[in-house]
N, C-alpha and C. Protein backbone atom coordinates (compact mmCIF):
# COMPACT_ATOMS: atom_id res chain seq x y z
N MET A 1 131.15 70.04 157.99
CA MET A 1 130.71 70.64 156.73
C MET A 1 130.22 72.07 156.98
N ASN A 2 130.44 72.96 156.04
CA ASN A 2 130.12 74.36 156.28
C ASN A 2 128.66 74.70 155.99
N LEU A 3 128.29 75.90 156.46
CA LEU A 3 126.91 76.35 156.30
C LEU A 3 126.54 76.55 154.84
N GLU A 4 127.52 76.92 154.03
CA GLU A 4 127.27 77.13 152.60
C GLU A 4 126.79 75.84 151.95
N ALA A 5 127.43 74.72 152.27
CA ALA A 5 127.04 73.43 151.70
C ALA A 5 125.66 73.01 152.18
N ARG A 6 125.37 73.25 153.46
CA ARG A 6 124.04 72.92 153.99
C ARG A 6 122.96 73.73 153.27
N SER A 7 123.25 75.00 153.06
CA SER A 7 122.31 75.87 152.36
C SER A 7 122.12 75.41 150.92
N ARG A 8 123.20 74.94 150.28
CA ARG A 8 123.12 74.46 148.91
C ARG A 8 122.23 73.22 148.82
N VAL A 9 122.34 72.33 149.80
CA VAL A 9 121.51 71.12 149.81
C VAL A 9 120.02 71.49 149.88
N LYS A 10 119.69 72.42 150.75
CA LYS A 10 118.28 72.85 150.87
C LYS A 10 117.77 73.43 149.56
N LYS A 11 118.63 74.21 148.89
CA LYS A 11 118.23 74.80 147.62
C LYS A 11 118.05 73.72 146.56
N ILE A 12 118.97 72.75 146.54
CA ILE A 12 118.89 71.64 145.58
C ILE A 12 117.61 70.85 145.77
N ILE A 13 117.29 70.53 147.02
CA ILE A 13 116.07 69.77 147.32
C ILE A 13 114.83 70.54 146.87
N LYS A 14 114.82 71.84 147.13
CA LYS A 14 113.67 72.67 146.75
C LYS A 14 113.49 72.70 145.23
N LEU A 15 114.59 72.89 144.51
CA LEU A 15 114.53 72.95 143.05
C LEU A 15 114.12 71.61 142.44
N LEU A 16 114.73 70.53 142.93
CA LEU A 16 114.44 69.22 142.36
C LEU A 16 113.05 68.73 142.72
N THR A 17 112.57 69.08 143.91
CA THR A 17 111.20 68.69 144.30
C THR A 17 110.19 69.34 143.37
N LYS A 18 110.46 70.58 142.98
CA LYS A 18 109.58 71.28 142.05
C LYS A 18 109.62 70.63 140.67
N GLU A 19 110.82 70.19 140.27
CA GLU A 19 111.01 69.59 138.95
C GLU A 19 110.50 68.15 138.89
N TYR A 20 110.66 67.41 139.99
CA TYR A 20 110.29 65.99 140.00
C TYR A 20 109.36 65.70 141.19
N PRO A 21 108.17 66.23 141.18
CA PRO A 21 107.24 65.98 142.31
C PRO A 21 106.89 64.50 142.39
N GLY A 22 106.87 63.98 143.60
CA GLY A 22 106.51 62.57 143.79
C GLY A 22 107.56 61.59 143.36
N ALA A 23 108.82 62.03 143.27
CA ALA A 23 109.90 61.12 142.87
C ALA A 23 110.01 59.95 143.83
N THR A 24 110.12 58.76 143.29
CA THR A 24 110.22 57.56 144.11
C THR A 24 111.01 56.50 143.35
N THR A 25 111.15 55.33 143.92
CA THR A 25 111.88 54.27 143.24
C THR A 25 111.15 53.83 141.97
N ALA A 26 111.91 53.53 140.93
CA ALA A 26 111.32 53.07 139.67
C ALA A 26 111.15 51.55 139.65
N LEU A 27 111.68 50.87 140.64
CA LEU A 27 111.56 49.41 140.70
C LEU A 27 110.11 49.02 141.02
N ILE A 28 109.64 48.00 140.32
CA ILE A 28 108.27 47.53 140.52
C ILE A 28 108.28 46.33 141.46
N PHE A 29 107.53 46.42 142.56
CA PHE A 29 107.52 45.35 143.56
C PHE A 29 106.21 45.39 144.34
N GLU A 30 105.90 44.29 145.00
CA GLU A 30 104.68 44.23 145.80
C GLU A 30 104.93 43.92 147.26
N ASN A 31 106.16 43.52 147.60
CA ASN A 31 106.45 43.17 148.98
C ASN A 31 107.96 43.33 149.23
N PRO A 32 108.40 43.27 150.50
CA PRO A 32 109.82 43.46 150.80
C PRO A 32 110.75 42.48 150.09
N LEU A 33 110.32 41.23 149.94
CA LEU A 33 111.17 40.25 149.27
C LEU A 33 111.40 40.64 147.81
N GLU A 34 110.35 41.03 147.13
CA GLU A 34 110.49 41.43 145.73
C GLU A 34 111.39 42.65 145.59
N LEU A 35 111.26 43.60 146.51
CA LEU A 35 112.11 44.78 146.44
C LEU A 35 113.57 44.42 146.72
N LEU A 36 113.80 43.52 147.66
CA LEU A 36 115.17 43.08 147.96
C LEU A 36 115.81 42.45 146.73
N VAL A 37 115.10 41.54 146.09
CA VAL A 37 115.61 40.88 144.89
C VAL A 37 115.85 41.89 143.78
N ALA A 38 114.88 42.76 143.55
CA ALA A 38 114.99 43.75 142.47
C ALA A 38 116.17 44.69 142.71
N THR A 39 116.39 45.07 143.96
CA THR A 39 117.47 46.00 144.26
C THR A 39 118.83 45.34 144.08
N ILE A 40 118.95 44.07 144.46
CA ILE A 40 120.19 43.34 144.22
C ILE A 40 120.45 43.25 142.71
N LEU A 41 119.41 42.98 141.94
CA LEU A 41 119.55 42.88 140.49
C LEU A 41 119.90 44.21 139.85
N SER A 42 119.53 45.31 140.49
CA SER A 42 119.71 46.64 139.88
C SER A 42 121.15 47.14 139.90
N ALA A 43 122.03 46.45 140.62
CA ALA A 43 123.43 46.88 140.65
C ALA A 43 124.02 46.84 139.24
N GLN A 44 124.57 47.97 138.80
CA GLN A 44 125.16 48.07 137.46
C GLN A 44 124.17 47.69 136.35
N CYS A 45 122.91 47.99 136.59
CA CYS A 45 121.86 47.67 135.61
C CYS A 45 120.76 48.72 135.73
N THR A 46 120.06 49.00 134.64
CA THR A 46 118.99 49.98 134.69
C THR A 46 117.75 49.39 135.35
N ASP A 47 116.99 50.23 136.02
CA ASP A 47 115.75 49.77 136.64
C ASP A 47 114.77 49.27 135.59
N GLU A 48 114.81 49.87 134.41
CA GLU A 48 113.92 49.45 133.33
C GLU A 48 114.16 47.99 132.96
N ARG A 49 115.42 47.61 132.83
CA ARG A 49 115.73 46.23 132.49
C ARG A 49 115.38 45.30 133.64
N VAL A 50 115.67 45.72 134.86
CA VAL A 50 115.33 44.90 136.03
C VAL A 50 113.83 44.63 136.06
N ASN A 51 113.03 45.64 135.79
CA ASN A 51 111.57 45.45 135.81
C ASN A 51 111.11 44.48 134.74
N ARG A 52 111.80 44.46 133.60
CA ARG A 52 111.45 43.50 132.55
C ARG A 52 111.77 42.08 133.01
N VAL A 53 112.90 41.92 133.68
CA VAL A 53 113.31 40.59 134.16
C VAL A 53 112.40 40.12 135.30
N THR A 54 112.11 41.00 136.24
CA THR A 54 111.32 40.58 137.42
C THR A 54 109.85 40.35 137.09
N GLN A 55 109.40 40.88 135.97
CA GLN A 55 108.00 40.63 135.59
C GLN A 55 107.73 39.13 135.49
N ALA A 56 108.68 38.40 134.90
CA ALA A 56 108.54 36.95 134.79
C ALA A 56 109.06 36.26 136.05
N LEU A 57 110.14 36.80 136.60
CA LEU A 57 110.77 36.18 137.77
C LEU A 57 109.81 36.09 138.95
N PHE A 58 109.07 37.16 139.22
CA PHE A 58 108.21 37.19 140.39
C PHE A 58 106.98 36.31 140.24
N LYS A 59 106.67 35.92 139.01
CA LYS A 59 105.58 34.97 138.80
C LYS A 59 106.01 33.55 139.15
N LYS A 60 107.29 33.27 138.97
CA LYS A 60 107.82 31.95 139.25
C LYS A 60 108.26 31.80 140.71
N TYR A 61 108.92 32.84 141.22
CA TYR A 61 109.45 32.79 142.59
C TYR A 61 108.61 33.73 143.47
N LYS A 62 107.71 33.14 144.22
CA LYS A 62 106.75 33.92 144.99
C LYS A 62 107.07 34.00 146.48
N SER A 63 108.02 33.18 146.94
CA SER A 63 108.34 33.16 148.37
C SER A 63 109.83 32.97 148.57
N VAL A 64 110.28 33.19 149.79
CA VAL A 64 111.69 32.96 150.12
C VAL A 64 112.05 31.51 149.83
N GLU A 65 111.14 30.60 150.16
CA GLU A 65 111.40 29.17 149.93
C GLU A 65 111.61 28.86 148.46
N ASP A 66 110.90 29.56 147.59
CA ASP A 66 111.08 29.34 146.15
C ASP A 66 112.51 29.66 145.72
N TYR A 67 113.05 30.74 146.28
CA TYR A 67 114.43 31.12 145.94
C TYR A 67 115.44 30.14 146.54
N THR A 68 115.17 29.66 147.73
CA THR A 68 116.11 28.72 148.36
C THR A 68 116.19 27.41 147.58
N ARG A 69 115.09 27.05 146.92
CA ARG A 69 115.03 25.80 146.15
C ARG A 69 115.43 26.00 144.69
N ALA A 70 115.74 27.23 144.31
CA ALA A 70 116.05 27.51 142.90
C ALA A 70 117.32 26.78 142.45
N ASP A 71 117.28 26.29 141.22
CA ASP A 71 118.47 25.70 140.61
C ASP A 71 119.38 26.85 140.19
N LEU A 72 120.62 26.84 140.66
CA LEU A 72 121.53 27.97 140.43
C LEU A 72 121.73 28.25 138.95
N ASN A 73 121.99 27.23 138.16
CA ASN A 73 122.24 27.43 136.73
C ASN A 73 121.02 28.02 136.02
N THR A 74 119.85 27.50 136.37
CA THR A 74 118.62 28.01 135.76
C THR A 74 118.39 29.46 136.16
N PHE A 75 118.58 29.72 137.43
CA PHE A 75 118.36 31.07 137.95
C PHE A 75 119.33 32.07 137.31
N GLU A 76 120.55 31.65 137.12
CA GLU A 76 121.54 32.52 136.47
C GLU A 76 121.05 32.95 135.09
N GLN A 77 120.52 32.00 134.34
CA GLN A 77 120.04 32.32 132.99
C GLN A 77 118.81 33.23 133.02
N GLU A 78 117.99 33.08 134.04
CA GLU A 78 116.77 33.89 134.15
C GLU A 78 117.09 35.36 134.44
N ILE A 79 118.23 35.61 135.08
CA ILE A 79 118.58 37.00 135.40
C ILE A 79 119.80 37.47 134.61
N ARG A 80 120.22 36.69 133.65
CA ARG A 80 121.47 36.95 132.91
C ARG A 80 121.55 38.36 132.35
N SER A 81 120.46 38.87 131.82
CA SER A 81 120.49 40.17 131.14
C SER A 81 120.73 41.34 132.08
N THR A 82 120.68 41.11 133.40
CA THR A 82 120.93 42.20 134.35
C THR A 82 122.42 42.43 134.59
N GLY A 83 123.25 41.53 134.06
CA GLY A 83 124.70 41.66 134.24
C GLY A 83 125.16 41.12 135.58
N PHE A 84 126.42 40.72 135.63
CA PHE A 84 127.01 40.16 136.85
C PHE A 84 126.08 39.09 137.45
N TYR A 85 125.47 38.33 136.55
CA TYR A 85 124.39 37.42 136.95
C TYR A 85 124.85 36.28 137.84
N LYS A 86 126.09 35.85 137.72
CA LYS A 86 126.55 34.75 138.56
C LYS A 86 126.60 35.15 140.03
N ASN A 87 127.19 36.31 140.31
CA ASN A 87 127.23 36.79 141.69
C ASN A 87 125.84 37.12 142.22
N LYS A 88 125.03 37.74 141.37
CA LYS A 88 123.68 38.11 141.80
C LYS A 88 122.85 36.88 142.12
N ALA A 89 122.93 35.87 141.27
CA ALA A 89 122.17 34.63 141.50
C ALA A 89 122.61 33.96 142.80
N LYS A 90 123.92 33.86 142.98
CA LYS A 90 124.46 33.23 144.19
C LYS A 90 124.02 34.00 145.44
N ASN A 91 124.12 35.32 145.39
CA ASN A 91 123.77 36.13 146.56
C ASN A 91 122.28 36.07 146.90
N ILE A 92 121.43 36.10 145.88
CA ILE A 92 119.99 36.05 146.13
C ILE A 92 119.60 34.72 146.77
N ILE A 93 120.16 33.63 146.27
CA ILE A 93 119.85 32.32 146.84
C ILE A 93 120.40 32.19 148.25
N LEU A 94 121.64 32.64 148.46
CA LEU A 94 122.23 32.57 149.80
C LEU A 94 121.49 33.48 150.78
N ALA A 95 121.10 34.67 150.31
CA ALA A 95 120.35 35.59 151.17
C ALA A 95 119.02 34.97 151.58
N SER A 96 118.37 34.31 150.64
CA SER A 96 117.08 33.66 150.93
C SER A 96 117.25 32.55 151.96
N LYS A 97 118.32 31.80 151.84
CA LYS A 97 118.58 30.73 152.82
C LYS A 97 118.83 31.31 154.21
N LYS A 98 119.54 32.43 154.26
CA LYS A 98 119.81 33.05 155.56
C LYS A 98 118.53 33.63 156.15
N ILE A 99 117.69 34.24 155.30
CA ILE A 99 116.41 34.77 155.77
C ILE A 99 115.55 33.64 156.35
N THR A 100 115.55 32.50 155.68
CA THR A 100 114.80 31.34 156.16
C THR A 100 115.36 30.82 157.47
N ARG A 101 116.66 30.76 157.54
CA ARG A 101 117.33 30.16 158.69
C ARG A 101 117.35 31.08 159.92
N GLU A 102 117.56 32.36 159.71
CA GLU A 102 117.80 33.26 160.84
C GLU A 102 116.70 34.28 161.10
N PHE A 103 115.84 34.51 160.11
CA PHE A 103 114.84 35.57 160.27
C PHE A 103 113.42 35.08 160.04
N ASP A 104 113.19 33.81 160.33
CA ASP A 104 111.85 33.23 160.28
C ASP A 104 111.18 33.42 158.91
N GLY A 105 112.01 33.42 157.86
CA GLY A 105 111.45 33.49 156.51
C GLY A 105 110.99 34.87 156.09
N LYS A 106 111.28 35.91 156.88
CA LYS A 106 110.83 37.26 156.55
C LYS A 106 112.03 38.18 156.36
N VAL A 107 111.96 39.02 155.34
CA VAL A 107 113.03 39.99 155.11
C VAL A 107 113.14 40.88 156.33
N PRO A 108 114.31 40.97 156.95
CA PRO A 108 114.45 41.78 158.15
C PRO A 108 114.21 43.26 157.88
N SER A 109 113.69 43.95 158.88
CA SER A 109 113.35 45.37 158.72
C SER A 109 114.29 46.27 159.51
N GLU A 110 115.47 45.76 159.85
CA GLU A 110 116.46 46.55 160.57
C GLU A 110 117.76 46.58 159.75
N MET A 111 118.39 47.74 159.73
CA MET A 111 119.63 47.91 158.99
C MET A 111 120.68 46.89 159.39
N GLU A 112 120.87 46.71 160.71
CA GLU A 112 121.95 45.83 161.17
C GLU A 112 121.74 44.39 160.73
N ASN A 113 120.50 43.98 160.52
CA ASN A 113 120.22 42.62 160.05
C ASN A 113 120.29 42.52 158.53
N LEU A 114 119.77 43.51 157.86
CA LEU A 114 119.78 43.49 156.39
C LEU A 114 121.20 43.40 155.83
N ILE A 115 122.12 44.17 156.41
CA ILE A 115 123.47 44.20 155.84
C ILE A 115 124.27 42.94 156.14
N THR A 116 123.69 42.01 156.90
CA THR A 116 124.35 40.70 157.08
C THR A 116 124.01 39.75 155.95
N LEU A 117 123.04 40.09 155.11
CA LEU A 117 122.63 39.21 154.01
C LEU A 117 123.63 39.31 152.87
N PRO A 118 123.95 38.18 152.23
CA PRO A 118 124.86 38.20 151.07
C PRO A 118 124.34 39.14 149.98
N GLY A 119 125.23 39.98 149.45
CA GLY A 119 124.86 40.87 148.38
C GLY A 119 124.16 42.14 148.81
N VAL A 120 124.05 42.35 150.12
CA VAL A 120 123.32 43.52 150.62
C VAL A 120 124.27 44.45 151.38
N GLY A 121 124.49 45.63 150.81
CA GLY A 121 125.24 46.67 151.50
C GLY A 121 124.30 47.76 151.96
N ARG A 122 124.83 48.88 152.37
CA ARG A 122 123.99 49.95 152.88
C ARG A 122 123.06 50.52 151.81
N LYS A 123 123.51 50.58 150.55
CA LYS A 123 122.64 51.11 149.51
C LYS A 123 121.38 50.28 149.38
N THR A 124 121.55 48.98 149.21
CA THR A 124 120.40 48.09 149.08
C THR A 124 119.54 48.13 150.33
N ALA A 125 120.17 48.09 151.49
CA ALA A 125 119.43 48.10 152.75
C ALA A 125 118.61 49.38 152.90
N ASN A 126 119.21 50.52 152.55
CA ASN A 126 118.49 51.79 152.64
C ASN A 126 117.25 51.80 151.75
N ILE A 127 117.39 51.26 150.55
CA ILE A 127 116.26 51.23 149.62
C ILE A 127 115.14 50.33 150.15
N VAL A 128 115.50 49.15 150.62
CA VAL A 128 114.50 48.23 151.17
C VAL A 128 113.81 48.83 152.38
N LEU A 129 114.59 49.41 153.28
CA LEU A 129 114.01 50.00 154.48
C LEU A 129 113.06 51.14 154.13
N ALA A 130 113.48 52.01 153.21
CA ALA A 130 112.68 53.18 152.87
C ALA A 130 111.39 52.83 152.16
N PHE A 131 111.49 51.99 151.13
CA PHE A 131 110.34 51.78 150.26
C PHE A 131 109.48 50.56 150.63
N ALA A 132 110.05 49.63 151.39
CA ALA A 132 109.25 48.46 151.81
C ALA A 132 108.74 48.61 153.23
N PHE A 133 109.50 49.33 154.07
CA PHE A 133 109.13 49.42 155.48
C PHE A 133 108.88 50.85 155.96
N GLY A 134 109.12 51.83 155.09
CA GLY A 134 108.90 53.21 155.49
C GLY A 134 109.86 53.70 156.56
N LYS A 135 111.06 53.11 156.60
CA LYS A 135 112.07 53.48 157.58
C LYS A 135 113.22 54.20 156.88
N ILE A 136 113.57 55.36 157.37
CA ILE A 136 114.67 56.12 156.79
C ILE A 136 115.85 56.07 157.75
N GLU A 137 116.85 55.26 157.40
CA GLU A 137 118.03 55.10 158.24
C GLU A 137 119.26 55.78 157.64
N GLY A 138 119.16 56.17 156.38
CA GLY A 138 120.30 56.79 155.72
C GLY A 138 119.91 57.22 154.32
N ILE A 139 120.90 57.40 153.46
CA ILE A 139 120.68 57.84 152.08
C ILE A 139 121.36 56.85 151.14
N ALA A 140 120.59 56.18 150.33
CA ALA A 140 121.15 55.19 149.40
C ALA A 140 122.01 55.90 148.35
N VAL A 141 123.23 55.42 148.18
CA VAL A 141 124.16 56.03 147.23
C VAL A 141 124.42 55.06 146.08
N ASP A 142 123.79 55.33 144.94
CA ASP A 142 124.05 54.55 143.74
C ASP A 142 124.94 55.38 142.81
N THR A 143 125.10 54.97 141.57
CA THR A 143 126.00 55.68 140.65
C THR A 143 125.52 57.11 140.39
N HIS A 144 124.19 57.32 140.29
CA HIS A 144 123.66 58.66 140.06
C HIS A 144 123.93 59.56 141.26
N VAL A 145 123.62 59.07 142.44
CA VAL A 145 123.81 59.86 143.66
C VAL A 145 125.29 60.19 143.86
N LYS A 146 126.14 59.22 143.59
CA LYS A 146 127.58 59.45 143.71
C LYS A 146 128.03 60.55 142.75
N ARG A 147 127.62 60.45 141.49
CA ARG A 147 128.03 61.42 140.47
C ARG A 147 127.52 62.83 140.81
N LEU A 148 126.26 62.95 141.17
CA LEU A 148 125.69 64.26 141.44
C LEU A 148 126.25 64.86 142.73
N SER A 149 126.50 64.01 143.72
CA SER A 149 127.06 64.52 144.99
C SER A 149 128.40 65.17 144.75
N GLN A 150 129.18 64.58 143.86
CA GLN A 150 130.50 65.15 143.55
C GLN A 150 130.38 66.39 142.68
N ARG A 151 129.52 66.35 141.68
CA ARG A 151 129.37 67.50 140.77
C ARG A 151 128.77 68.71 141.49
N LEU A 152 127.92 68.46 142.45
CA LEU A 152 127.27 69.55 143.18
C LEU A 152 128.08 70.03 144.38
N GLY A 153 129.25 69.42 144.55
CA GLY A 153 130.12 69.84 145.63
C GLY A 153 129.67 69.42 147.01
N LEU A 154 128.90 68.34 147.09
CA LEU A 154 128.38 67.87 148.37
C LEU A 154 129.30 66.83 149.01
N SER A 155 130.17 66.25 148.21
CA SER A 155 131.13 65.27 148.73
C SER A 155 132.34 65.18 147.81
N LYS A 156 133.50 65.01 148.40
CA LYS A 156 134.72 64.82 147.63
C LYS A 156 135.16 63.35 147.67
N ASN A 157 134.37 62.53 148.32
CA ASN A 157 134.72 61.12 148.49
C ASN A 157 134.28 60.28 147.29
N ASP A 158 134.94 59.14 147.11
CA ASP A 158 134.57 58.16 146.09
C ASP A 158 133.85 56.96 146.71
N ASN A 159 134.12 56.69 147.98
CA ASN A 159 133.51 55.56 148.67
C ASN A 159 132.04 55.86 148.98
N PRO A 160 131.12 55.01 148.52
CA PRO A 160 129.68 55.26 148.74
C PRO A 160 129.30 55.47 150.21
N ASP A 161 129.90 54.69 151.11
CA ASP A 161 129.57 54.85 152.53
C ASP A 161 130.00 56.22 153.05
N LYS A 162 131.15 56.70 152.57
CA LYS A 162 131.61 58.02 153.01
C LYS A 162 130.78 59.13 152.38
N ILE A 163 130.35 58.92 151.13
CA ILE A 163 129.45 59.89 150.49
C ILE A 163 128.14 59.96 151.26
N GLU A 164 127.64 58.80 151.66
CA GLU A 164 126.40 58.77 152.44
C GLU A 164 126.55 59.57 153.73
N GLN A 165 127.67 59.39 154.42
CA GLN A 165 127.89 60.12 155.66
C GLN A 165 127.94 61.62 155.40
N ASP A 166 128.60 62.03 154.31
CA ASP A 166 128.64 63.46 153.97
C ASP A 166 127.23 64.00 153.73
N LEU A 167 126.44 63.27 152.96
CA LEU A 167 125.08 63.72 152.64
C LEU A 167 124.19 63.76 153.89
N MET A 168 124.34 62.77 154.75
CA MET A 168 123.55 62.74 155.98
C MET A 168 123.89 63.92 156.89
N GLU A 169 125.16 64.30 156.89
CA GLU A 169 125.59 65.42 157.73
C GLU A 169 125.07 66.75 157.19
N LEU A 170 124.97 66.85 155.87
CA LEU A 170 124.54 68.10 155.24
C LEU A 170 123.02 68.25 155.16
N THR A 171 122.32 67.13 155.12
CA THR A 171 120.89 67.13 154.83
C THR A 171 120.05 66.92 156.08
N PRO A 172 119.01 67.74 156.29
CA PRO A 172 118.11 67.51 157.41
C PRO A 172 117.52 66.10 157.32
N ARG A 173 117.43 65.41 158.43
CA ARG A 173 117.00 64.01 158.42
C ARG A 173 115.66 63.81 157.72
N ARG A 174 114.76 64.78 157.84
CA ARG A 174 113.44 64.63 157.23
C ARG A 174 113.50 64.55 155.70
N HIS A 175 114.66 64.96 155.13
CA HIS A 175 114.81 64.93 153.68
C HIS A 175 115.69 63.78 153.19
N TRP A 176 116.19 62.94 154.08
CA TRP A 176 117.07 61.86 153.67
C TRP A 176 116.43 60.96 152.62
N GLY A 177 115.19 60.59 152.86
CA GLY A 177 114.52 59.65 151.96
C GLY A 177 114.32 60.22 150.57
N GLU A 178 113.88 61.45 150.49
CA GLU A 178 113.57 62.03 149.17
C GLU A 178 114.81 62.42 148.39
N LEU A 179 115.91 62.74 149.11
CA LEU A 179 117.12 63.18 148.41
C LEU A 179 117.61 62.13 147.42
N ASN A 180 117.60 60.87 147.84
CA ASN A 180 118.03 59.79 146.95
C ASN A 180 117.20 59.77 145.67
N SER A 181 115.88 59.78 145.80
CA SER A 181 115.00 59.71 144.63
C SER A 181 115.16 60.92 143.74
N LEU A 182 115.32 62.10 144.33
CA LEU A 182 115.47 63.33 143.55
C LEU A 182 116.77 63.34 142.75
N LEU A 183 117.86 62.94 143.39
CA LEU A 183 119.14 62.93 142.68
C LEU A 183 119.15 61.89 141.57
N ILE A 184 118.51 60.74 141.81
CA ILE A 184 118.44 59.70 140.78
C ILE A 184 117.63 60.20 139.58
N GLU A 185 116.50 60.83 139.84
CA GLU A 185 115.68 61.36 138.75
C GLU A 185 116.47 62.37 137.91
N HIS A 186 117.17 63.27 138.60
CA HIS A 186 117.93 64.29 137.89
C HIS A 186 119.10 63.67 137.13
N GLY A 187 119.70 62.64 137.72
CA GLY A 187 120.80 61.95 137.06
C GLY A 187 120.35 61.23 135.80
N ARG A 188 119.15 60.69 135.83
CA ARG A 188 118.62 59.96 134.67
C ARG A 188 118.21 60.90 133.54
N LYS A 189 117.65 62.06 133.91
CA LYS A 189 117.03 62.91 132.90
C LYS A 189 117.88 64.09 132.44
N ILE A 190 118.79 64.53 133.29
CA ILE A 190 119.57 65.73 132.96
C ILE A 190 121.06 65.55 133.16
N CYS A 191 121.46 65.16 134.37
CA CYS A 191 122.88 65.15 134.74
C CYS A 191 123.53 63.81 134.39
N PHE A 192 123.64 63.54 133.08
CA PHE A 192 124.22 62.29 132.61
C PHE A 192 125.70 62.23 132.94
N ALA A 193 126.24 61.01 132.93
CA ALA A 193 127.68 60.85 133.15
C ALA A 193 128.45 61.56 132.04
N ARG A 194 127.93 61.46 130.80
CA ARG A 194 128.54 62.14 129.66
C ARG A 194 127.53 63.10 129.05
N ASN A 195 128.02 64.25 128.63
CA ASN A 195 127.18 65.26 127.98
C ASN A 195 125.91 65.59 128.76
N PRO A 196 126.04 66.02 130.01
CA PRO A 196 124.86 66.38 130.80
C PRO A 196 124.13 67.58 130.21
N LEU A 197 122.83 67.67 130.45
CA LEU A 197 122.01 68.74 129.89
C LEU A 197 121.78 69.85 130.90
N CYS A 198 122.82 70.19 131.65
CA CYS A 198 122.67 71.16 132.75
C CYS A 198 122.16 72.51 132.26
N LYS A 199 122.61 72.97 131.09
CA LYS A 199 122.19 74.27 130.59
C LYS A 199 120.69 74.27 130.28
N LYS A 200 120.22 73.14 129.77
CA LYS A 200 118.80 73.02 129.47
C LYS A 200 117.97 73.14 130.73
N PHE A 201 118.49 72.56 131.83
CA PHE A 201 117.77 72.59 133.11
C PHE A 201 117.90 73.95 133.77
N GLY A 202 118.95 74.68 133.41
CA GLY A 202 119.15 76.00 133.99
C GLY A 202 120.03 76.01 135.19
N SER A 203 120.84 74.92 135.37
CA SER A 203 121.71 74.85 136.52
C SER A 203 123.15 75.16 136.13
C-alpha cells in the first residue's frame, strides 16, 4: 500500500476522533459471554435491537451452562427479532457446548480459539477480544467498516478478511482498536449506505 493511503488513514483517524471522542461498542454487556452472544446476534441486525433483546435474554441465561441447556425452539423465538434467528440460536448453543467441553466453561481469550466456535469469525472474535479482554489482534470489519473502507479508498476488496488485512497494513497498530469504532460511528451518523450526509460533515 502506498504512502498516500497511509497518510489518508492518519488524517481520517484524527478527524473522526475529534468528531466522535470516546467511540466504543454500542452493545451492552457485563462479561465476555454476554458480549460473545450479543455480537453473534448483531450480524445483519442493529445494535439497538440487539440490546433490546439481550436485556431480557441476559436475565434468563446467566452462564454458559444456561445456554447449553436452552431449548432450541424457545431460544429461537427469544431472539427471533434479530433476524437469521435459526442459525444464530443453533450457533450460540453449539458454541456454549464447545466452551464447556473444551475451554473449561470460559470464553477463550485467544483469536485462534475463538474462531473455532460455531458462528464466530474474525469480526466477532476481534470485537470480543478488544472489548472484553482488552486485546487488539486485528480490525473488526462489519457492514459499516466495509462500506467506508471502500468509499475512502482504503480497500478495493469485498471479502471482510481481505479488507481487514488492507486496513491493518495501512493503520498503525496502536490505532487498530479505535478505527473500527470510529468508522462504525461515522457510518451510522453520516456515511449511510444510501444518501450519505458527507457534505454536511464536510468530507
